[in-house]
C-alpha atoms as a PDB file:
ATOM      1  CA  MET A   1       0.000   0.000   0.000  1.00  0.00           C
ATOM      2  CA  THR A   2       1.211   3.510  -0.852  1.00  0.00           C
ATOM      3  CA  THR A   3       1.253   6.253   1.757  1.00  0.00           C
ATOM      4  CA  ARG A   4       0.507   9.741   0.439  1.00  0.00           C
ATOM      5  CA  LEU A   5       2.511  12.687   1.710  1.00  0.00           C
ATOM      6  CA  ARG A   6      -0.327  15.058   0.825  1.00  0.00           C
ATOM      7  CA  PRO A   7      -3.852  14.746  -0.578  1.00  0.00           C
ATOM      8  CA  LEU A   8      -4.215  15.112  -4.347  1.00  0.00           C
ATOM      9  CA  SER A   9      -6.407  17.803  -5.869  1.00  0.00           C
ATOM     10  CA  GLU A  10      -9.238  16.929  -8.214  1.00  0.00           C
ATOM     11  CA  ALA A  11      -7.201  18.190 -11.180  1.00  0.00           C
ATOM     12  CA  GLU A  12      -4.240  15.989 -10.210  1.00  0.00           C
ATOM     13  CA  CYS A  13      -6.498  12.950  -9.836  1.00  0.00           C
ATOM     14  CA  TYR A  14      -8.061  13.601 -13.245  1.00  0.00           C
ATOM     15  CA  ALA A  15      -4.625  13.971 -14.852  1.00  0.00           C
ATOM     16  CA  ARG A  16      -3.489  10.683 -13.297  1.00  0.00           C
ATOM     17  CA  CYS A  17      -6.612   8.816 -14.420  1.00  0.00           C
ATOM     18  CA  TYR A  18      -7.009  10.248 -17.908  1.00  0.00           C
ATOM     19  CA  GLY A  19      -3.554  11.585 -18.643  1.00  0.00           C
ATOM     20  CA  GLY A  20      -2.578  15.035 -19.740  1.00  0.00           C
ATOM     21  CA  GLY A  21      -3.628  16.665 -22.979  1.00  0.00           C
ATOM     22  CA  ASN A  22      -2.726  14.729 -26.096  1.00  0.00           C
ATOM     23  CA  LEU A  23      -1.782  16.507 -29.310  1.00  0.00           C
ATOM     24  CA  ASP A  24      -3.283  13.650 -31.377  1.00  0.00           C
ATOM     25  CA  VAL A  25      -6.801  14.692 -30.386  1.00  0.00           C
ATOM     26  CA  LYS A  26      -8.273  17.955 -31.603  1.00  0.00           C
ATOM     27  CA  ILE A  27     -11.637  19.459 -30.687  1.00  0.00           C
ATOM     28  CA  VAL A  28     -13.378  20.955 -33.703  1.00  0.00           C
ATOM     29  CA  LYS A  29     -16.693  22.740 -34.100  1.00  0.00           C
ATOM     30  CA  VAL A  30     -19.055  21.197 -36.609  1.00  0.00           C
ATOM     31  CA  PRO A  31     -21.214  23.741 -38.436  1.00  0.00           C
ATOM     32  CA  ARG A  32     -24.935  23.370 -37.792  1.00  0.00           C
ATOM     33  CA  ARG A  33     -27.158  22.311 -40.635  1.00  0.00           C
ATOM     34  CA  PRO A  34     -29.594  24.975 -41.799  1.00  0.00           C
ATOM     35  CA  ARG A  35     -33.151  24.556 -40.571  1.00  0.00           C
ATOM     36  CA  TYR A  36     -35.805  23.528 -43.027  1.00  0.00           C
ATOM     37  CA  ASP A  37     -38.777  25.769 -43.800  1.00  0.00           C
ATOM     38  CA  LEU A  38     -41.763  23.650 -42.828  1.00  0.00           C
ATOM     39  CA  PRO A  39     -45.249  24.102 -44.334  1.00  0.00           C
ATOM     40  CA  VAL A  40     -46.897  24.093 -40.867  1.00  0.00           C
ATOM     41  CA  SER A  41     -46.023  25.714 -37.567  1.00  0.00           C
ATOM     42  CA  GLY A  42     -45.777  23.887 -34.280  1.00  0.00           C
ATOM     43  CA  GLU A  43     -49.088  25.390 -33.165  1.00  0.00           C
ATOM     44  CA  GLN A  44     -50.850  24.186 -36.336  1.00  0.00           C
ATOM     45  CA  LEU A  45     -49.422  20.721 -35.794  1.00  0.00           C
ATOM     46  CA  ARG A  46     -50.613  20.701 -32.169  1.00  0.00           C
ATOM     47  CA  GLN A  47     -54.127  21.792 -33.196  1.00  0.00           C
ATOM     48  CA  ALA A  48     -54.342  19.097 -35.893  1.00  0.00           C
ATOM     49  CA  PHE A  49     -53.266  16.463 -33.355  1.00  0.00           C
ATOM     50  CA  GLU A  50     -55.846  17.735 -30.861  1.00  0.00           C
ATOM     51  CA  GLN A  51     -58.591  17.498 -33.519  1.00  0.00           C
ATOM     52  CA  ARG A  52     -57.601  13.913 -34.320  1.00  0.00           C
ATOM     53  CA  LEU A  53     -57.731  13.018 -30.636  1.00  0.00           C
ATOM     54  CA  GLU A  54     -61.231  14.544 -30.298  1.00  0.00           C
ATOM     55  CA  LYS A  55     -62.509  12.479 -33.277  1.00  0.00           C
ATOM     56  CA  ARG A  56     -61.486   9.177 -31.641  1.00  0.00           C
ATOM     57  CA  GLU A  57     -64.128   7.047 -30.026  1.00  0.00           C
ATOM     58  CA  PRO A  58     -63.848   6.745 -26.246  1.00  0.00           C
ATOM     59  CA  GLU A  59     -62.098   3.618 -24.992  1.00  0.00           C
ATOM     60  CA  ALA A  60     -64.256   0.882 -23.496  1.00  0.00           C
ATOM     61  CA  ALA A  61     -63.437   0.444 -19.814  1.00  0.00           C
END
């Protein structure tokens, strides 16, 4: 068993577990895809769904 002379900080523990930064790995930002223009709005979609629910027959208990 190893005896520590001092407690390790969280950063030191992380570095020991996962290693320091590696130059082989690079973080890049991926450009977002443009949004599509949809023929209906969210509110229109919600209303159409509500109408379909109202047309359903009640469930038999």
